Amino acid sequence: MNRSELLSHEQARELLPWLVNDSLDAGERELVDEHAKSCVICRRELAELESLQASVSQTADPIAVPAPDMRRINARIDALIEKENRAQILLSRLRELLGSPWRIAFAAQTALLIVLGTALFWPQSEHAEYITLTVPQQVLPDGQYIRVVFDPNVGAAELPGLLDTLNLTIVQGPSERGVATLRLAAGVSAADRDGLVADLLTNPAVLFAEPITTGPQR
């Protein structure tokens, strides 16, 4: 009987990986080798295992890793330490300047009170709405004029009727503040103009009225 017949096909096939890894003793190796010579299937599988082992061996070759540059690493560490030290020094100086947190809070509260006090007690103009009423908006021809602020609630239909009744004509405005300049009819005296101003001030539709004279006084 051939010695290879001492191993069945299945036994020899199971020992093929051990043959490739060189893990069999001399007797087992000889039996598996003799079986593979006469078995096409085992011979093909043995070739595949040897090829796979060669590929793994090439992949597993050690890769040379360059030694780290300790000078650069030490320089980076020194830079980080210096940066942290600068931050600590700055924080210490701020604490020395500002003192305790209670002093900081007190200073902030004091500044806020100063701002609020300035806003509350800053002198305000009592007549800011009409501060420019006595300043002519443009050069007017000689004559008698009245500068008026009408109530914004006066309807557009009521205003022309009021002006026609008093024989007044709008020559300027109304401005953004509601200021309008009215011209009196020719020949009206300053006394009549002042009387007309007094009448306008009693009208609920008029919030403010003042006389304006241009040219020679009459």
C-alpha atoms as a PDB file:
ATOM      1  CA  MET A   1       0.000   0.000   0.000  1.00  0.00           C
ATOM      2  CA  ASN A   2       1.260   3.476  -0.893  1.00  0.00           C
ATOM      3  CA  ARG A   3       2.036   5.567   2.160  1.00  0.00           C
ATOM      4  CA  SER A   4      -0.147   8.376   0.823  1.00  0.00           C
ATOM      5  CA  GLU A   5      -3.095   6.029   1.092  1.00  0.00           C
ATOM      6  CA  LEU A   6      -2.659   6.131   4.850  1.00  0.00           C
ATOM      7  CA  LEU A   7      -4.342   9.605   4.689  1.00  0.00           C
ATOM      8  CA  SER A   8      -7.780  10.136   3.313  1.00  0.00           C
ATOM      9  CA  HIS A   9      -8.459  13.078   1.017  1.00  0.00           C
ATOM     10  CA  GLU A  10     -10.289  14.970   3.762  1.00  0.00           C
ATOM     11  CA  GLN A  11      -7.483  14.403   6.275  1.00  0.00           C
ATOM     12  CA  ALA A  12      -4.832  15.583   3.853  1.00  0.00           C
ATOM     13  CA  ARG A  13      -6.898  18.659   2.918  1.00  0.00           C
ATOM     14  CA  GLU A  14      -7.300  19.636   6.565  1.00  0.00           C
ATOM     15  CA  LEU A  15      -3.502  19.417   7.022  1.00  0.00           C
ATOM     16  CA  LEU A  16      -2.686  21.645   4.029  1.00  0.00           C
ATOM     17  CA  PRO A  17      -2.670  24.936   6.022  1.00  0.00           C
ATOM     18  CA  TRP A  18      -0.355  23.352   8.593  1.00  0.00           C
ATOM     19  CA  LEU A  19       1.919  22.199   5.803  1.00  0.00           C
ATOM     20  CA  VAL A  20       2.154  25.733   4.438  1.00  0.00           C
ATOM     21  CA  ASN A  21       2.849  27.106   7.937  1.00  0.00           C
ATOM     22  CA  ASP A  22       5.573  24.470   8.416  1.00  0.00           C
ATOM     23  CA  SER A  23       3.808  23.146  11.513  1.00  0.00           C
ATOM     24  CA  LEU A  24       3.814  19.411  10.656  1.00  0.00           C
ATOM     25  CA  ASP A  25       6.378  16.906  11.759  1.00  0.00           C
ATOM     26  CA  ALA A  26       8.475  15.133   9.172  1.00  0.00           C
ATOM     27  CA  GLY A  27       6.183  12.076   8.912  1.00  0.00           C
ATOM     28  CA  GLU A  28       2.981  14.127   8.447  1.00  0.00           C
ATOM     29  CA  ARG A  29       4.673  16.436   5.959  1.00  0.00           C
ATOM     30  CA  GLU A  30       5.783  13.473   3.859  1.00  0.00           C
ATOM     31  CA  LEU A  31       2.303  11.956   3.847  1.00  0.00           C
ATOM     32  CA  VAL A  32       0.625  15.244   2.851  1.00  0.00           C
ATOM     33  CA  ASP A  33       3.222  15.912   0.129  1.00  0.00           C
ATOM     34  CA  GLU A  34       2.736  12.448  -1.364  1.00  0.00           C
ATOM     35  CA  HIS A  35      -1.060  12.883  -1.324  1.00  0.00           C
ATOM     36  CA  ALA A  36      -0.834  16.290  -3.010  1.00  0.00           C
ATOM     37  CA  LYS A  37       1.308  14.824  -5.810  1.00  0.00           C
ATOM     38  CA  SER A  38      -1.451  12.376  -6.703  1.00  0.00           C
ATOM     39  CA  CYS A  39      -4.472  14.683  -5.941  1.00  0.00           C
ATOM     40  CA  VAL A  40      -5.169  17.535  -8.339  1.00  0.00           C
ATOM     41  CA  ILE A  41      -7.620  19.230  -5.931  1.00  0.00           C
ATOM     42  CA  CYS A  42      -5.211  19.282  -2.980  1.00  0.00           C
ATOM     43  CA  ARG A  43      -2.333  20.342  -5.217  1.00  0.00           C
ATOM     44  CA  ARG A  44      -4.352  23.319  -6.490  1.00  0.00           C
ATOM     45  CA  GLU A  45      -5.492  24.291  -2.991  1.00  0.00           C
ATOM     46  CA  LEU A  46      -1.894  24.007  -1.726  1.00  0.00           C
ATOM     47  CA  ALA A  47      -0.750  26.400  -4.459  1.00  0.00           C
ATOM     48  CA  GLU A  48      -3.453  28.897  -3.478  1.00  0.00           C
ATOM     49  CA  LEU A  49      -2.459  28.722   0.179  1.00  0.00           C
ATOM     50  CA  GLU A  50       1.219  29.256  -0.640  1.00  0.00           C
ATOM     51  CA  SER A  51       0.326  32.268  -2.836  1.00  0.00           C
ATOM     52  CA  LEU A  52      -1.814  33.723  -0.045  1.00  0.00           C
ATOM     53  CA  GLN A  53       0.991  33.228   2.476  1.00  0.00           C
ATOM     54  CA  ALA A  54       3.429  35.050   0.171  1.00  0.00           C
ATOM     55  CA  SER A  55       1.049  38.007  -0.175  1.00  0.00           C
ATOM     56  CA  VAL A  56       0.575  38.250   3.571  1.00  0.00           C
ATOM     57  CA  SER A  57       4.301  38.080   4.153  1.00  0.00           C
ATOM     58  CA  GLN A  58       4.921  40.972   1.749  1.00  0.00           C
ATOM     59  CA  THR A  59       2.212  43.094   3.352  1.00  0.00           C
ATOM     60  CA  ALA A  60       3.523  42.381   6.814  1.00  0.00           C
ATOM     61  CA  ASP A  61       7.014  43.680   6.063  1.00  0.00           C
ATOM     62  CA  PRO A  62       7.950  46.291   8.673  1.00  0.00           C
ATOM     63  CA  ILE A  63       7.642  49.907   7.569  1.00  0.00           C
ATOM     64  CA  ALA A  64      10.383  52.233   8.626  1.00  0.00           C
ATOM     65  CA  VAL A  65       8.977  55.031  10.790  1.00  0.00           C
ATOM     66  CA  PRO A  66      11.149  58.133  10.938  1.00  0.00           C
ATOM     67  CA  ALA A  67      12.227  59.168  14.385  1.00  0.00           C
ATOM     68  CA  PRO A  68      10.328  62.210  15.696  1.00  0.00           C
ATOM     69  CA  ASP A  69      12.061  65.571  15.587  1.00  0.00           C
ATOM     70  CA  MET A  70      12.323  66.264  19.290  1.00  0.00           C
ATOM     71  CA  ARG A  71      13.539  69.797  18.695  1.00  0.00           C
ATOM     72  CA  ARG A  72      10.295  70.796  16.972  1.00  0.00           C
ATOM     73  CA  ILE A  73       8.209  69.008  19.586  1.00  0.00           C
ATOM     74  CA  ASN A  74      10.073  70.712  22.420  1.00  0.00           C
ATOM     75  CA  ALA A  75       9.715  74.089  20.696  1.00  0.00           C
ATOM     76  CA  ARG A  76       5.940  73.652  20.436  1.00  0.00           C
ATOM     77  CA  ILE A  77       5.707  72.614  24.071  1.00  0.00           C
ATOM     78  CA  ASP A  78       7.754  75.653  25.123  1.00  0.00           C
ATOM     79  CA  ALA A  79       5.486  77.950  23.058  1.00  0.00           C
ATOM     80  CA  LEU A  80       2.352  76.548  24.698  1.00  0.00           C
ATOM     81  CA  ILE A  81       3.864  76.937  28.169  1.00  0.00           C
ATOM     82  CA  GLU A  82       4.892  80.533  27.420  1.00  0.00           C
ATOM     83  CA  LYS A  83       1.411  81.359  26.113  1.00  0.00           C
ATOM     84  CA  GLU A  84      -0.205  79.941  29.238  1.00  0.00           C
ATOM     85  CA  ASN A  85       2.214  81.871  31.433  1.00  0.00           C
ATOM     86  CA  ARG A  86       1.405  85.140  29.628  1.00  0.00           C
ATOM     87  CA  ALA A  87      -2.305  84.541  30.174  1.00  0.00           C
ATOM     88  CA  GLN A  88      -1.726  83.907  33.870  1.00  0.00           C
ATOM     89  CA  ILE A  89       0.380  87.063  34.216  1.00  0.00           C
ATOM     90  CA  LEU A  90      -2.264  89.183  32.450  1.00  0.00           C
ATOM     91  CA  LEU A  91      -5.016  87.766  34.644  1.00  0.00           C
ATOM     92  CA  SER A  92      -2.994  88.500  37.767  1.00  0.00           C
ATOM     93  CA  ARG A  93      -2.410  92.103  36.701  1.00  0.00           C
ATOM     94  CA  LEU A  94      -6.103  92.604  35.974  1.00  0.00           C
ATOM     95  CA  ARG A  95      -6.939  91.304  39.400  1.00  0.00           C
ATOM     96  CA  GLU A  96      -4.432  93.705  40.952  1.00  0.00           C
ATOM     97  CA  LEU A  97      -5.931  96.649  39.054  1.00  0.00           C
ATOM     98  CA  LEU A  98      -9.573  95.839  39.593  1.00  0.00           C
ATOM     99  CA  GLY A  99      -9.360  94.244  42.974  1.00  0.00           C
ATOM    100  CA  SER A 100     -12.172  92.034  44.206  1.00  0.00           C
ATOM    101  CA  PRO A 101     -15.310  91.248  42.161  1.00  0.00           C
ATOM    102  CA  TRP A 102     -17.310  93.430  44.551  1.00  0.00           C
ATOM    103  CA  ARG A 103     -15.254  96.469  43.531  1.00  0.00           C
ATOM    104  CA  ILE A 104     -15.883  95.698  39.852  1.00  0.00           C
ATOM    105  CA  ALA A 105     -19.625  95.391  40.425  1.00  0.00           C
ATOM    106  CA  PHE A 106     -19.669  98.629  42.431  1.00  0.00           C
ATOM    107  CA  ALA A 107     -17.808 100.502  39.671  1.00  0.00           C
ATOM    108  CA  ALA A 108     -20.215  99.218  37.021  1.00  0.00           C
ATOM    109  CA  GLN A 109     -23.225 100.189  39.142  1.00  0.00           C
ATOM    110  CA  THR A 110     -21.813 103.673  39.733  1.00  0.00           C
ATOM    111  CA  ALA A 111     -21.270 104.223  35.987  1.00  0.00           C
ATOM    112  CA  LEU A 112     -24.838 103.093  35.263  1.00  0.00           C
ATOM    113  CA  LEU A 113     -26.249 105.504  37.852  1.00  0.00           C
ATOM    114  CA  ILE A 114     -24.264 108.391  36.350  1.00  0.00           C
ATOM    115  CA  VAL A 115     -25.656 107.641  32.882  1.00  0.00           C
ATOM    116  CA  LEU A 116     -29.236 107.397  34.146  1.00  0.00           C
ATOM    117  CA  GLY A 117     -28.894 110.580  36.201  1.00  0.00           C
ATOM    118  CA  THR A 118     -27.564 112.492  33.217  1.00  0.00           C
ATOM    119  CA  ALA A 119     -30.457 111.331  31.065  1.00  0.00           C
ATOM    120  CA  LEU A 120     -33.074 112.212  33.684  1.00  0.00           C
ATOM    121  CA  PHE A 121     -31.791 115.602  34.817  1.00  0.00           C
ATOM    122  CA  TRP A 122     -30.371 117.001  31.575  1.00  0.00           C
ATOM    123  CA  PRO A 123     -32.184 120.287  30.950  1.00  0.00           C
ATOM    124  CA  GLN A 124     -34.890 120.025  28.325  1.00  0.00           C
ATOM    125  CA  SER A 125     -36.410 122.836  26.300  1.00  0.00           C
ATOM    126  CA  GLU A 126     -39.952 123.554  27.435  1.00  0.00           C
ATOM    127  CA  HIS A 127     -41.036 124.563  23.938  1.00  0.00           C
ATOM    128  CA  ALA A 128     -38.961 122.261  21.783  1.00  0.00           C
ATOM    129  CA  GLU A 129     -41.900 121.667  19.472  1.00  0.00           C
ATOM    130  CA  TYR A 130     -42.001 125.356  18.423  1.00  0.00           C
ATOM    131  CA  ILE A 131     -38.362 126.316  18.830  1.00  0.00           C
ATOM    132  CA  THR A 132     -38.037 127.388  15.190  1.00  0.00           C
ATOM    133  CA  LEU A 133     -41.387 129.095  14.858  1.00  0.00           C
ATOM    134  CA  THR A 134     -39.970 132.615  15.039  1.00  0.00           C
ATOM    135  CA  VAL A 135     -37.365 131.917  12.366  1.00  0.00           C
ATOM    136  CA  PRO A 136     -38.687 132.543   8.848  1.00  0.00           C
ATOM    137  CA  GLN A 137     -38.413 129.477   6.627  1.00  0.00           C
ATOM    138  CA  GLN A 138     -37.761 131.583   3.557  1.00  0.00           C
ATOM    139  CA  VAL A 139     -37.829 135.217   2.450  1.00  0.00           C
ATOM    140  CA  LEU A 140     -41.439 136.437   2.342  1.00  0.00           C
ATOM    141  CA  PRO A 141     -42.724 139.449   0.425  1.00  0.00           C
ATOM    142  CA  ASP A 142     -43.642 142.503   2.449  1.00  0.00           C
ATOM    143  CA  GLY A 143     -46.926 142.067   4.251  1.00  0.00           C
ATOM    144  CA  GLN A 144     -48.694 140.698   7.283  1.00  0.00           C
ATOM    145  CA  TYR A 145     -48.379 136.980   8.080  1.00  0.00           C
ATOM    146  CA  ILE A 146     -49.360 134.557  10.800  1.00  0.00           C
ATOM    147  CA  ARG A 147     -47.486 131.350  11.592  1.00  0.00           C
ATOM    148  CA  VAL A 148     -49.883 128.643  12.790  1.00  0.00           C
ATOM    149  CA  VAL A 149     -49.797 125.043  14.002  1.00  0.00           C
ATOM    150  CA  PHE A 150     -53.100 123.307  13.316  1.00  0.00           C
ATOM    151  CA  ASP A 151     -54.414 120.334  15.276  1.00  0.00           C
ATOM    152  CA  PRO A 152     -53.450 117.175  13.318  1.00  0.00           C
ATOM    153  CA  ASN A 153     -56.979 115.881  13.896  1.00  0.00           C
ATOM    154  CA  VAL A 154     -58.485 118.709  11.820  1.00  0.00           C
ATOM    155  CA  GLY A 155     -59.961 117.190   8.676  1.00  0.00           C
ATOM    156  CA  ALA A 156     -58.718 118.216   5.257  1.00  0.00           C
ATOM    157  CA  ALA A 157     -62.215 119.459   4.387  1.00  0.00           C
ATOM    158  CA  GLU A 158     -62.473 121.738   7.455  1.00  0.00           C
ATOM    159  CA  LEU A 159     -59.201 123.612   6.964  1.00  0.00           C
ATOM    160  CA  PRO A 160     -60.011 125.350   3.623  1.00  0.00           C
ATOM    161  CA  GLY A 161     -63.317 126.542   5.030  1.00  0.00           C
ATOM    162  CA  LEU A 162     -61.621 128.040   8.082  1.00  0.00           C
ATOM    163  CA  LEU A 163     -59.035 129.833   5.939  1.00  0.00           C
ATOM    164  CA  ASP A 164     -61.655 131.217   3.571  1.00  0.00           C
ATOM    165  CA  THR A 165     -63.704 132.529   6.495  1.00  0.00           C
ATOM    166  CA  LEU A 166     -60.715 134.452   7.873  1.00  0.00           C
ATOM    167  CA  ASN A 167     -59.490 135.489   4.414  1.00  0.00           C
ATOM    168  CA  LEU A 168     -56.144 133.731   4.932  1.00  0.00           C
ATOM    169  CA  THR A 169     -53.900 132.022   2.369  1.00  0.00           C
ATOM    170  CA  ILE A 170     -51.258 129.358   3.044  1.00  0.00           C
ATOM    171  CA  VAL A 171     -47.941 130.487   1.536  1.00  0.00           C
ATOM    172  CA  GLN A 172     -45.648 127.984   3.300  1.00  0.00           C
ATOM    173  CA  GLY A 173     -46.068 124.534   4.842  1.00  0.00           C
ATOM    174  CA  PRO A 174     -47.393 122.714   6.587  1.00  0.00           C
ATOM    175  CA  SER A 175     -43.902 121.471   7.530  1.00  0.00           C
ATOM    176  CA  GLU A 176     -43.069 118.114   9.093  1.00  0.00           C
ATOM    177  CA  ARG A 177     -44.004 119.628  12.458  1.00  0.00           C
ATOM    178  CA  GLY A 178     -47.300 120.932  11.106  1.00  0.00           C
ATOM    179  CA  VAL A 179     -46.166 124.589  10.887  1.00  0.00           C
ATOM    180  CA  ALA A 180     -47.895 126.688   8.214  1.00  0.00           C
ATOM    181  CA  THR A 181     -47.386 130.332   7.278  1.00  0.00           C
ATOM    182  CA  LEU A 182     -50.581 132.238   6.415  1.00  0.00           C
ATOM    183  CA  ARG A 183     -50.744 135.524   4.504  1.00  0.00           C
ATOM    184  CA  LEU A 184     -53.369 138.116   5.400  1.00  0.00           C
ATOM    185  CA  ALA A 185     -55.221 140.107   2.816  1.00  0.00           C
ATOM    186  CA  ALA A 186     -53.530 143.274   1.549  1.00  0.00           C
ATOM    187  CA  GLY A 187     -54.174 146.396   3.589  1.00  0.00           C
ATOM    188  CA  VAL A 188     -54.735 144.589   6.914  1.00  0.00           C
ATOM    189  CA  SER A 189     -53.173 146.572   9.764  1.00  0.00           C
ATOM    190  CA  ALA A 190     -50.928 145.152  12.475  1.00  0.00           C
ATOM    191  CA  ALA A 191     -53.717 145.697  15.034  1.00  0.00           C
ATOM    192  CA  ASP A 192     -56.186 143.713  12.928  1.00  0.00           C
ATOM    193  CA  ARG A 193     -53.548 141.013  12.513  1.00  0.00           C
ATOM    194  CA  ASP A 194     -53.011 140.747  16.264  1.00  0.00           C
ATOM    195  CA  GLY A 195     -56.757 140.514  16.810  1.00  0.00           C
ATOM    196  CA  LEU A 196     -56.936 137.725  14.253  1.00  0.00           C
ATOM    197  CA  VAL A 197     -54.150 135.873  16.085  1.00  0.00           C
ATOM    198  CA  ALA A 198     -56.110 136.158  19.339  1.00  0.00           C
ATOM    199  CA  ASP A 199     -59.197 134.744  17.629  1.00  0.00           C
ATOM    200  CA  LEU A 200     -57.191 131.850  16.176  1.00  0.00           C
ATOM    201  CA  LEU A 201     -55.843 130.908  19.599  1.00  0.00           C
ATOM    202  CA  THR A 202     -59.420 130.431  20.833  1.00  0.00           C
ATOM    203  CA  ASN A 203     -60.193 128.058  17.974  1.00  0.00           C
ATOM    204  CA  PRO A 204     -59.879 124.337  18.998  1.00  0.00           C
ATOM    205  CA  ALA A 205     -58.388 123.570  15.590  1.00  0.00           C
ATOM    206  CA  VAL A 206     -55.379 125.843  16.264  1.00  0.00           C
ATOM    207  CA  LEU A 207     -52.626 124.739  18.643  1.00  0.00           C
ATOM    208  CA  PHE A 208     -50.336 127.737  18.192  1.00  0.00           C
ATOM    209  CA  ALA A 209     -50.344 131.103  16.401  1.00  0.00           C
ATOM    210  CA  GLU A 210     -47.930 134.047  16.234  1.00  0.00           C
ATOM    211  CA  PRO A 211     -47.782 137.211  14.092  1.00  0.00           C
ATOM    212  CA  ILE A 212     -45.052 137.879  11.505  1.00  0.00           C
ATOM    213  CA  THR A 213     -44.432 141.215   9.837  1.00  0.00           C
ATOM    214  CA  THR A 214     -42.162 141.699   6.838  1.00  0.00           C
ATOM    215  CA  GLY A 215     -41.230 145.033   5.379  1.00  0.00           C
ATOM    216  CA  PRO A 216     -42.143 148.448   6.926  1.00  0.00           C
ATOM    217  CA  GLN A 217     -44.400 148.437  10.020  1.00  0.00           C
ATOM    218  CA  ARG A 218     -47.834 149.996   9.702  1.00  0.00           C
END
